[in-house]
Amino acid sequence: LTVLEGCTVFVDVWMSDGQDTSSLYIDIAKNMGARVVKRIGPQCTHVVYTSGRERTVEQYFALDEAKRPKAVGASWLRDCKQAAARLDEERYLVDLE
């Protein structure tokens, strides 16, 4: 599946009980053709964030506003996988402030 080809994503996804489930979502992203990076930077197109770390939020806001990637919840990746398509991020945007 290459529906996320051209996307460069940073993943920070945790369960409400404090369990880090980022690796599951990293696998989903890679399997759909996305490039996954270990740090947020201007090369990122998406930050997949659900109950993530404060450090991720700090790195996100350290970027120039015009260069900030789209911040989406983990459900965006899950739903893209289910639909086998790149879905519009608008419904999945998360407010990191």
Protein backbone atom coordinates (compact mmCIF):
# COMPACT_ATOMS: atom_id res chain seq x y z
CA LEU A 1 0.00 0.00 0.00
CA THR A 2 1.52 3.36 -0.98
CA VAL A 3 -1.31 5.74 -0.09
CA LEU A 4 0.93 7.74 2.25
CA GLU A 5 3.89 7.97 -0.11
CA GLY A 6 5.37 11.45 0.14
CA CYS A 7 4.36 11.78 3.80
CA THR A 8 7.08 12.11 6.41
CA VAL A 9 5.64 11.37 9.84
CA PHE A 10 6.70 11.56 13.45
CA VAL A 11 4.66 9.28 15.73
CA ASP A 12 4.02 9.80 19.47
CA VAL A 13 1.02 7.70 20.51
CA TRP A 14 0.31 6.55 24.06
CA MET A 15 -2.66 4.77 25.63
CA SER A 16 -4.51 6.51 28.45
CA ASP A 17 -2.95 4.00 30.88
CA GLY A 18 0.52 5.24 29.95
CA GLN A 19 1.49 2.46 27.54
CA ASP A 20 3.59 3.59 24.55
CA THR A 21 1.90 2.25 21.41
CA SER A 22 3.90 4.35 18.94
CA SER A 23 5.56 1.28 17.39
CA LEU A 24 2.16 -0.07 16.26
CA TYR A 25 1.40 3.19 14.47
CA ILE A 26 4.94 3.45 13.05
CA ASP A 27 4.38 0.03 11.44
CA ILE A 28 1.01 1.14 10.03
CA ALA A 29 2.57 4.31 8.58
CA LYS A 30 5.50 2.43 7.02
CA ASN A 31 3.21 -0.23 5.58
CA MET A 32 1.27 2.53 3.80
CA GLY A 33 4.40 4.06 2.27
CA ALA A 34 5.13 6.88 4.71
CA ARG A 35 8.63 7.76 5.79
CA VAL A 36 8.90 7.72 9.59
CA VAL A 37 11.39 9.97 11.39
CA LYS A 38 12.67 9.94 14.97
CA ARG A 39 12.59 13.73 15.41
CA ILE A 40 10.17 16.48 14.50
CA GLY A 41 11.70 18.84 11.99
CA PRO A 42 10.89 20.92 8.93
CA GLN A 43 11.01 17.74 6.82
CA CYS A 44 7.90 16.38 8.64
CA THR A 45 4.54 16.56 6.92
CA HIS A 46 2.61 15.02 9.84
CA VAL A 47 2.89 14.57 13.59
CA VAL A 48 0.71 11.67 14.70
CA TYR A 49 -0.02 12.50 18.34
CA THR A 50 -2.32 10.97 20.91
CA SER A 51 -1.62 11.49 24.65
CA GLY A 52 2.04 11.96 23.74
CA ARG A 53 5.00 13.50 25.50
CA GLU A 54 5.44 17.16 26.40
CA ARG A 55 8.77 17.10 24.52
CA THR A 56 6.90 16.43 21.27
CA VAL A 57 4.73 19.49 21.83
CA GLU A 58 7.83 21.61 22.59
CA GLN A 59 9.58 20.44 19.41
CA TYR A 60 6.44 21.14 17.39
CA PHE A 61 6.12 24.72 18.63
CA ALA A 62 9.88 25.31 18.22
CA LEU A 63 9.34 25.07 14.46
CA ASP A 64 8.55 28.17 12.46
CA GLU A 65 4.74 28.36 12.26
CA ALA A 66 4.76 28.19 8.46
CA LYS A 67 6.84 24.99 8.57
CA ARG A 68 4.81 23.12 11.18
CA PRO A 69 3.50 19.74 10.06
CA LYS A 70 -0.15 18.77 10.35
CA ALA A 71 -0.82 17.41 13.84
CA VAL A 72 -3.27 14.52 13.62
CA GLY A 73 -4.55 11.89 16.01
CA ALA A 74 -3.66 8.20 15.69
CA SER A 75 -7.14 7.55 14.31
CA TRP A 76 -6.04 9.25 11.04
CA LEU A 77 -3.51 6.47 10.40
CA ARG A 78 -5.95 3.77 11.47
CA ASP A 79 -8.72 5.11 9.23
CA CYS A 80 -6.35 5.60 6.26
CA LYS A 81 -5.36 1.95 6.63
CA GLN A 82 -8.99 0.85 6.77
CA ALA A 83 -9.95 2.96 3.75
CA ALA A 84 -6.74 2.08 1.88
CA ALA A 85 -6.58 5.79 1.00
CA ARG A 86 -5.04 9.02 2.23
CA LEU A 87 -7.91 10.67 4.05
CA ASP A 88 -8.34 14.41 4.50
CA GLU A 89 -6.59 15.38 7.72
CA GLU A 90 -9.12 18.08 8.63
CA ARG A 91 -11.33 15.74 10.72
CA TYR A 92 -8.31 14.35 12.56
CA LEU A 93 -6.42 17.52 13.51
CA VAL A 94 -5.36 17.77 17.15
CA ASP A 95 -4.67 20.98 19.03
CA LEU A 96 -1.25 20.72 20.67
CA GLU A 97 -1.63 23.97 22.64
